[in-house]
Amino acid sequence: MAQLFSADWMNAYKDAWNAEPEVREKLAEIGFNSVVYCGFKNEENPRSLFVVENGVCVDAGAWSPTSPAPSWDMRADLKDWLKWIENGIGMAGLGMAFATGKLKFKVGDYKGMLKDPRMANPFVKSFGLMQMIGADEL
């Protein structure tokens, strides 16, 4: 395993994303394009990014000040990220994490995404990919 949000971890996540038809193909069907940042609530800047073009993750790695502008910026505490990676999380759990503030979106319309099953289902499955690859603590 690699450290959460490290370049190695992000590339493993990219490979898992692109190998999962329930994520890649479902998002390709709706022409999903996004720049997604991930990080920690207590930090100003995100730790990582991945770039999706027509459902395919084409780039993943460390965030930098020259990274493209985000479509989504997801933040949580390290303990919560690690809990979700270890135990997984479904739609109800994600909804509860959002409602209680454990999962924050600095950028992105979480409520709008959840209302569209073409996006919501792959989003939940993307968290399953995190569980599949696991992560070491920082």
N, C-alpha and C. Protein backbone atom coordinates (compact mmCIF):
# COMPACT_ATOMS: atom_id res chain seq x y z
N MET A 1 0.83 -1.19 0.00
CA MET A 1 0.00 0.00 0.00
C MET A 1 0.87 1.25 0.00
N ALA A 2 0.27 2.34 -0.37
CA ALA A 2 0.97 3.62 -0.41
C ALA A 2 0.27 4.58 0.54
N GLN A 3 0.95 5.66 0.85
CA GLN A 3 0.36 6.70 1.71
C GLN A 3 -0.80 7.36 0.99
N LEU A 4 -1.86 7.60 1.76
CA LEU A 4 -3.05 8.23 1.23
C LEU A 4 -2.70 9.54 0.51
N PHE A 5 -3.20 9.67 -0.72
CA PHE A 5 -3.05 10.85 -1.58
C PHE A 5 -1.63 11.09 -2.08
N SER A 6 -0.70 10.17 -1.83
CA SER A 6 0.63 10.29 -2.43
C SER A 6 0.51 10.03 -3.93
N ALA A 7 1.56 10.35 -4.68
CA ALA A 7 1.54 10.10 -6.13
C ALA A 7 1.33 8.62 -6.41
N ASP A 8 1.98 7.73 -5.65
CA ASP A 8 1.79 6.30 -5.85
C ASP A 8 0.35 5.89 -5.59
N TRP A 9 -0.23 6.41 -4.51
CA TRP A 9 -1.61 6.08 -4.18
C TRP A 9 -2.55 6.57 -5.27
N MET A 10 -2.34 7.80 -5.71
CA MET A 10 -3.21 8.37 -6.73
C MET A 10 -3.12 7.59 -8.04
N ASN A 11 -1.92 7.11 -8.38
CA ASN A 11 -1.80 6.33 -9.61
C ASN A 11 -2.45 4.96 -9.47
N ALA A 12 -2.41 4.36 -8.29
CA ALA A 12 -3.13 3.11 -8.05
C ALA A 12 -4.64 3.36 -8.16
N TYR A 13 -5.08 4.50 -7.63
CA TYR A 13 -6.50 4.86 -7.73
C TYR A 13 -6.90 5.08 -9.19
N LYS A 14 -6.05 5.75 -9.95
CA LYS A 14 -6.30 5.97 -11.38
C LYS A 14 -6.45 4.63 -12.10
N ASP A 15 -5.55 3.68 -11.83
CA ASP A 15 -5.62 2.37 -12.47
C ASP A 15 -6.90 1.64 -12.09
N ALA A 16 -7.28 1.70 -10.81
CA ALA A 16 -8.50 1.05 -10.35
C ALA A 16 -9.73 1.70 -11.00
N TRP A 17 -9.73 3.02 -11.08
CA TRP A 17 -10.82 3.77 -11.71
C TRP A 17 -11.00 3.31 -13.15
N ASN A 18 -9.91 3.31 -13.89
CA ASN A 18 -9.99 2.99 -15.32
C ASN A 18 -10.31 1.53 -15.57
N ALA A 19 -10.07 0.66 -14.60
CA ALA A 19 -10.37 -0.77 -14.74
C ALA A 19 -11.80 -1.11 -14.33
N GLU A 20 -12.52 -0.15 -13.75
CA GLU A 20 -13.87 -0.42 -13.23
C GLU A 20 -14.94 0.12 -14.18
N PRO A 21 -15.59 -0.76 -14.95
CA PRO A 21 -16.59 -0.28 -15.91
C PRO A 21 -17.77 0.45 -15.27
N GLU A 22 -18.12 0.10 -14.03
CA GLU A 22 -19.24 0.78 -13.37
C GLU A 22 -18.91 2.23 -13.03
N VAL A 23 -17.66 2.58 -13.08
CA VAL A 23 -17.26 3.98 -12.91
C VAL A 23 -16.94 4.58 -14.28
N ARG A 24 -15.92 4.03 -14.92
CA ARG A 24 -15.42 4.59 -16.18
C ARG A 24 -16.50 4.64 -17.26
N GLU A 25 -17.15 3.52 -17.54
CA GLU A 25 -18.11 3.47 -18.65
C GLU A 25 -19.38 4.25 -18.35
N LYS A 26 -19.85 4.18 -17.11
CA LYS A 26 -21.07 4.92 -16.76
C LYS A 26 -20.85 6.41 -16.87
N LEU A 27 -19.67 6.88 -16.48
CA LEU A 27 -19.37 8.31 -16.60
C LEU A 27 -19.09 8.71 -18.04
N ALA A 28 -18.52 7.80 -18.82
CA ALA A 28 -18.30 8.08 -20.24
C ALA A 28 -19.64 8.28 -20.95
N GLU A 29 -20.65 7.50 -20.55
CA GLU A 29 -21.98 7.60 -21.17
C GLU A 29 -22.57 9.00 -21.04
N ILE A 30 -22.22 9.72 -20.00
CA ILE A 30 -22.77 11.07 -19.82
C ILE A 30 -21.73 12.15 -20.13
N GLY A 31 -20.59 11.75 -20.71
CA GLY A 31 -19.56 12.73 -21.08
C GLY A 31 -18.97 13.44 -19.89
N PHE A 32 -18.77 12.71 -18.79
CA PHE A 32 -18.27 13.31 -17.54
C PHE A 32 -16.81 13.73 -17.69
N ASN A 33 -16.55 15.01 -17.46
CA ASN A 33 -15.21 15.59 -17.45
C ASN A 33 -15.07 16.39 -16.17
N SER A 34 -13.99 16.15 -15.42
CA SER A 34 -13.81 16.86 -14.16
C SER A 34 -12.36 16.85 -13.73
N VAL A 35 -12.02 17.86 -12.95
CA VAL A 35 -10.78 17.90 -12.21
C VAL A 35 -11.18 17.79 -10.74
N VAL A 36 -10.72 16.73 -10.09
CA VAL A 36 -11.13 16.44 -8.72
C VAL A 36 -9.93 16.57 -7.79
N TYR A 37 -10.09 17.38 -6.75
CA TYR A 37 -9.08 17.51 -5.71
C TYR A 37 -9.55 16.72 -4.49
N CYS A 38 -8.60 16.19 -3.75
CA CYS A 38 -8.88 15.55 -2.46
C CYS A 38 -7.88 16.07 -1.45
N GLY A 39 -8.32 16.15 -0.21
CA GLY A 39 -7.41 16.61 0.83
C GLY A 39 -8.07 16.58 2.19
N PHE A 40 -7.49 17.36 3.09
CA PHE A 40 -7.90 17.37 4.48
C PHE A 40 -8.54 18.71 4.84
N LYS A 41 -9.56 18.63 5.69
CA LYS A 41 -10.30 19.83 6.07
C LYS A 41 -9.43 20.87 6.76
N ASN A 42 -8.42 20.44 7.48
CA ASN A 42 -7.61 21.38 8.26
C ASN A 42 -6.47 22.00 7.44
N GLU A 43 -6.41 21.71 6.16
CA GLU A 43 -5.34 22.25 5.32
C GLU A 43 -5.93 23.18 4.26
N GLU A 44 -5.21 24.26 3.98
CA GLU A 44 -5.70 25.21 2.98
C GLU A 44 -5.72 24.60 1.59
N ASN A 45 -4.67 23.88 1.24
CA ASN A 45 -4.55 23.31 -0.11
C ASN A 45 -4.86 21.82 -0.11
N PRO A 46 -5.38 21.33 -1.22
CA PRO A 46 -5.62 19.89 -1.33
C PRO A 46 -4.30 19.13 -1.41
N ARG A 47 -4.37 17.84 -1.26
CA ARG A 47 -3.18 16.99 -1.37
C ARG A 47 -3.00 16.43 -2.77
N SER A 48 -4.12 16.15 -3.45
CA SER A 48 -4.02 15.42 -4.71
C SER A 48 -5.08 15.88 -5.69
N LEU A 49 -4.89 15.42 -6.92
CA LEU A 49 -5.89 15.68 -7.94
C LEU A 49 -5.95 14.50 -8.89
N PHE A 50 -7.10 14.35 -9.52
CA PHE A 50 -7.18 13.47 -10.67
C PHE A 50 -8.09 14.11 -11.69
N VAL A 51 -7.73 13.86 -12.94
CA VAL A 51 -8.39 14.51 -14.06
C VAL A 51 -9.13 13.43 -14.86
N VAL A 52 -10.42 13.66 -15.08
CA VAL A 52 -11.26 12.71 -15.78
C VAL A 52 -11.74 13.34 -17.08
N GLU A 53 -11.55 12.61 -18.18
CA GLU A 53 -12.04 13.04 -19.48
C GLU A 53 -12.90 11.94 -20.06
N ASN A 54 -14.16 12.26 -20.30
CA ASN A 54 -15.13 11.27 -20.80
C ASN A 54 -15.10 10.00 -19.98
N GLY A 55 -15.08 10.14 -18.67
CA GLY A 55 -15.14 9.01 -17.76
C GLY A 55 -13.81 8.35 -17.45
N VAL A 56 -12.78 8.64 -18.23
CA VAL A 56 -11.46 8.01 -18.06
C VAL A 56 -10.55 8.94 -17.27
N CYS A 57 -9.91 8.40 -16.24
CA CYS A 57 -8.92 9.18 -15.50
C CYS A 57 -7.65 9.25 -16.34
N VAL A 58 -7.30 10.45 -16.78
CA VAL A 58 -6.15 10.63 -17.66
C VAL A 58 -4.92 11.15 -16.94
N ASP A 59 -5.11 11.63 -15.71
CA ASP A 59 -3.98 12.14 -14.94
C ASP A 59 -4.32 12.06 -13.47
N ALA A 60 -3.34 11.69 -12.66
CA ALA A 60 -3.54 11.63 -11.21
C ALA A 60 -2.20 11.88 -10.55
N GLY A 61 -2.23 12.56 -9.42
CA GLY A 61 -0.98 12.82 -8.72
C GLY A 61 -1.15 13.86 -7.65
N ALA A 62 -0.05 14.48 -7.34
CA ALA A 62 -0.04 15.50 -6.29
C ALA A 62 -0.58 16.82 -6.82
N TRP A 63 -1.31 17.52 -5.96
CA TRP A 63 -1.78 18.86 -6.29
C TRP A 63 -0.58 19.81 -6.25
N SER A 64 -0.62 20.84 -7.10
CA SER A 64 0.37 21.91 -7.05
C SER A 64 -0.34 23.22 -7.35
N PRO A 65 0.30 24.34 -7.03
CA PRO A 65 -0.34 25.64 -7.31
C PRO A 65 -0.65 25.85 -8.79
N THR A 66 -0.01 25.11 -9.67
CA THR A 66 -0.28 25.24 -11.10
C THR A 66 -1.30 24.23 -11.61
N SER A 67 -1.88 23.45 -10.71
CA SER A 67 -2.90 22.47 -11.12
C SER A 67 -4.10 23.20 -11.72
N PRO A 68 -4.80 22.54 -12.65
CA PRO A 68 -5.99 23.17 -13.22
C PRO A 68 -7.05 23.41 -12.15
N ALA A 69 -7.93 24.34 -12.41
CA ALA A 69 -9.00 24.66 -11.46
C ALA A 69 -9.88 23.44 -11.23
N PRO A 70 -10.35 23.25 -9.99
CA PRO A 70 -11.14 22.06 -9.70
C PRO A 70 -12.60 22.19 -10.12
N SER A 71 -13.17 21.05 -10.47
CA SER A 71 -14.61 20.92 -10.62
C SER A 71 -15.20 20.47 -9.28
N TRP A 72 -14.38 19.71 -8.53
CA TRP A 72 -14.74 19.16 -7.23
C TRP A 72 -13.53 19.27 -6.32
N ASP A 73 -13.75 19.57 -5.07
CA ASP A 73 -12.68 19.60 -4.06
C ASP A 73 -13.28 18.99 -2.79
N MET A 74 -12.91 17.73 -2.55
CA MET A 74 -13.47 16.98 -1.41
C MET A 74 -12.48 17.00 -0.26
N ARG A 75 -12.99 17.28 0.94
CA ARG A 75 -12.13 17.33 2.12
C ARG A 75 -12.76 16.54 3.26
N ALA A 76 -11.92 15.89 4.03
CA ALA A 76 -12.33 15.19 5.24
C ALA A 76 -11.11 15.11 6.15
N ASP A 77 -11.33 14.76 7.40
CA ASP A 77 -10.21 14.52 8.31
C ASP A 77 -9.54 13.21 7.94
N LEU A 78 -8.26 13.11 8.23
CA LEU A 78 -7.51 11.89 7.92
C LEU A 78 -8.20 10.66 8.50
N LYS A 79 -8.65 10.74 9.75
CA LYS A 79 -9.27 9.57 10.39
C LYS A 79 -10.51 9.12 9.62
N ASP A 80 -11.26 10.05 9.05
CA ASP A 80 -12.46 9.69 8.30
C ASP A 80 -12.10 9.07 6.95
N TRP A 81 -11.14 9.67 6.25
CA TRP A 81 -10.70 9.06 4.99
C TRP A 81 -10.25 7.62 5.24
N LEU A 82 -9.43 7.41 6.28
CA LEU A 82 -8.91 6.07 6.55
C LEU A 82 -10.03 5.11 6.95
N LYS A 83 -11.02 5.60 7.68
CA LYS A 83 -12.16 4.75 8.06
C LYS A 83 -12.93 4.32 6.81
N TRP A 84 -13.18 5.25 5.90
CA TRP A 84 -13.92 4.91 4.68
C TRP A 84 -13.11 3.98 3.79
N ILE A 85 -11.81 4.16 3.76
CA ILE A 85 -10.96 3.28 2.95
C ILE A 85 -10.92 1.88 3.55
N GLU A 86 -10.88 1.80 4.85
CA GLU A 86 -10.82 0.48 5.50
C GLU A 86 -12.17 -0.24 5.45
N ASN A 87 -13.25 0.47 5.75
CA ASN A 87 -14.55 -0.16 5.91
C ASN A 87 -15.49 0.00 4.72
N GLY A 88 -15.14 0.89 3.80
CA GLY A 88 -16.05 1.20 2.72
C GLY A 88 -17.14 2.15 3.20
N ILE A 89 -17.91 2.66 2.25
CA ILE A 89 -19.01 3.56 2.58
C ILE A 89 -20.00 3.52 1.41
N GLY A 90 -21.26 3.43 1.73
CA GLY A 90 -22.30 3.40 0.71
C GLY A 90 -22.97 4.75 0.57
N MET A 91 -24.07 4.76 -0.17
CA MET A 91 -24.80 6.00 -0.43
C MET A 91 -25.30 6.62 0.87
N ALA A 92 -25.88 5.81 1.75
CA ALA A 92 -26.39 6.35 3.02
C ALA A 92 -25.26 6.90 3.86
N GLY A 93 -24.14 6.19 3.90
CA GLY A 93 -22.99 6.66 4.68
C GLY A 93 -22.42 7.95 4.13
N LEU A 94 -22.35 8.07 2.81
CA LEU A 94 -21.87 9.31 2.21
C LEU A 94 -22.82 10.47 2.51
N GLY A 95 -24.11 10.19 2.43
CA GLY A 95 -25.09 11.22 2.77
C GLY A 95 -24.95 11.68 4.20
N MET A 96 -24.74 10.73 5.11
CA MET A 96 -24.57 11.07 6.52
C MET A 96 -23.25 11.83 6.73
N ALA A 97 -22.18 11.41 6.04
CA ALA A 97 -20.90 12.10 6.16
C ALA A 97 -21.03 13.55 5.70
N PHE A 98 -21.77 13.77 4.62
CA PHE A 98 -21.98 15.12 4.13
C PHE A 98 -22.85 15.93 5.10
N ALA A 99 -23.94 15.32 5.56
CA ALA A 99 -24.88 16.02 6.44
C ALA A 99 -24.24 16.40 7.77
N THR A 100 -23.32 15.58 8.27
CA THR A 100 -22.67 15.86 9.56
C THR A 100 -21.39 16.67 9.41
N GLY A 101 -21.00 16.97 8.17
CA GLY A 101 -19.80 17.78 7.94
C GLY A 101 -18.51 16.98 7.93
N LYS A 102 -18.58 15.66 8.00
CA LYS A 102 -17.36 14.85 7.93
C LYS A 102 -16.76 14.89 6.53
N LEU A 103 -17.60 15.00 5.52
CA LEU A 103 -17.16 15.15 4.14
C LEU A 103 -17.62 16.51 3.67
N LYS A 104 -16.67 17.34 3.29
CA LYS A 104 -16.97 18.70 2.83
C LYS A 104 -16.59 18.82 1.36
N PHE A 105 -17.34 19.62 0.66
CA PHE A 105 -17.04 19.94 -0.73
C PHE A 105 -16.75 21.43 -0.79
N LYS A 106 -15.47 21.78 -0.95
CA LYS A 106 -15.11 23.19 -1.10
C LYS A 106 -15.56 23.69 -2.46
N VAL A 107 -15.57 22.77 -3.44
CA VAL A 107 -16.03 23.06 -4.79
C VAL A 107 -16.84 21.86 -5.23
N GLY A 108 -17.94 22.10 -5.93
CA GLY A 108 -18.76 21.01 -6.46
C GLY A 108 -20.14 21.00 -5.84
N ASP A 109 -21.10 20.53 -6.59
CA ASP A 109 -22.49 20.49 -6.18
C ASP A 109 -22.85 19.07 -5.75
N TYR A 110 -22.56 18.74 -4.50
CA TYR A 110 -22.81 17.40 -3.97
C TYR A 110 -24.29 17.04 -4.05
N LYS A 111 -25.15 17.95 -3.64
CA LYS A 111 -26.59 17.66 -3.65
C LYS A 111 -27.09 17.42 -5.07
N GLY A 112 -26.64 18.21 -6.01
CA GLY A 112 -27.03 18.02 -7.40
C GLY A 112 -26.54 16.70 -7.95
N MET A 113 -25.32 16.33 -7.59
CA MET A 113 -24.76 15.06 -8.06
C MET A 113 -25.57 13.89 -7.51
N LEU A 114 -25.95 13.94 -6.24
CA LEU A 114 -26.71 12.84 -5.65
C LEU A 114 -28.09 12.68 -6.26
N LYS A 115 -28.65 13.76 -6.79
CA LYS A 115 -29.97 13.69 -7.40
C LYS A 115 -29.92 13.04 -8.78
N ASP A 116 -28.73 12.88 -9.34
CA ASP A 116 -28.57 12.30 -10.67
C ASP A 116 -27.92 10.92 -10.52
N PRO A 117 -28.71 9.83 -10.60
CA PRO A 117 -28.13 8.50 -10.40
C PRO A 117 -27.03 8.16 -11.40
N ARG A 118 -27.00 8.83 -12.55
CA ARG A 118 -25.93 8.59 -13.51
C ARG A 118 -24.58 9.03 -12.97
N MET A 119 -24.60 9.97 -12.01
CA MET A 119 -23.38 10.42 -11.36
C MET A 119 -23.24 9.82 -9.96
N ALA A 120 -24.34 9.72 -9.24
CA ALA A 120 -24.29 9.27 -7.85
C ALA A 120 -23.77 7.85 -7.72
N ASN A 121 -24.26 6.94 -8.55
CA ASN A 121 -23.82 5.55 -8.44
C ASN A 121 -22.32 5.40 -8.70
N PRO A 122 -21.77 5.98 -9.77
CA PRO A 122 -20.32 5.89 -9.95
C PRO A 122 -19.54 6.57 -8.82
N PHE A 123 -20.10 7.65 -8.25
CA PHE A 123 -19.42 8.33 -7.14
C PHE A 123 -19.28 7.38 -5.95
N VAL A 124 -20.35 6.69 -5.60
CA VAL A 124 -20.30 5.74 -4.50
C VAL A 124 -19.30 4.63 -4.83
N LYS A 125 -19.34 4.14 -6.05
CA LYS A 125 -18.40 3.08 -6.45
C LYS A 125 -16.96 3.56 -6.41
N SER A 126 -16.73 4.85 -6.65
CA SER A 126 -15.36 5.38 -6.60
C SER A 126 -14.79 5.28 -5.19
N PHE A 127 -15.65 5.39 -4.18
CA PHE A 127 -15.19 5.20 -2.81
C PHE A 127 -14.86 3.73 -2.57
N GLY A 128 -15.58 2.84 -3.22
CA GLY A 128 -15.26 1.41 -3.13
C GLY A 128 -13.89 1.11 -3.71
N LEU A 129 -13.50 1.87 -4.73
CA LEU A 129 -12.16 1.69 -5.31
C LEU A 129 -11.09 2.07 -4.30
N MET A 130 -11.36 3.11 -3.51
CA MET A 130 -10.42 3.50 -2.47
C MET A 130 -10.26 2.36 -1.47
N GLN A 131 -11.35 1.72 -1.12
CA GLN A 131 -11.30 0.59 -0.20
C GLN A 131 -10.49 -0.56 -0.81
N MET A 132 -10.68 -0.78 -2.10
CA MET A 132 -9.99 -1.87 -2.78
C MET A 132 -8.47 -1.71 -2.74
N ILE A 133 -7.97 -0.46 -2.91
CA ILE A 133 -6.52 -0.27 -2.94
C ILE A 133 -5.93 -0.05 -1.56
N GLY A 134 -6.76 0.35 -0.59
CA GLY A 134 -6.25 0.57 0.76
C GLY A 134 -5.33 1.78 0.83
N ALA A 135 -4.81 2.05 2.00
CA ALA A 135 -3.89 3.20 2.16
C ALA A 135 -3.13 3.06 3.48
N ASP A 136 -1.92 3.52 3.45
CA ASP A 136 -1.14 3.66 4.67
C ASP A 136 -1.38 5.04 5.24
N GLU A 137 -1.23 5.17 6.54
CA GLU A 137 -1.35 6.49 7.16
C GLU A 137 -0.20 7.37 6.69
N LEU A 138 -0.35 8.66 6.92
CA LEU A 138 0.68 9.62 6.52
C LEU A 138 1.90 9.49 7.41
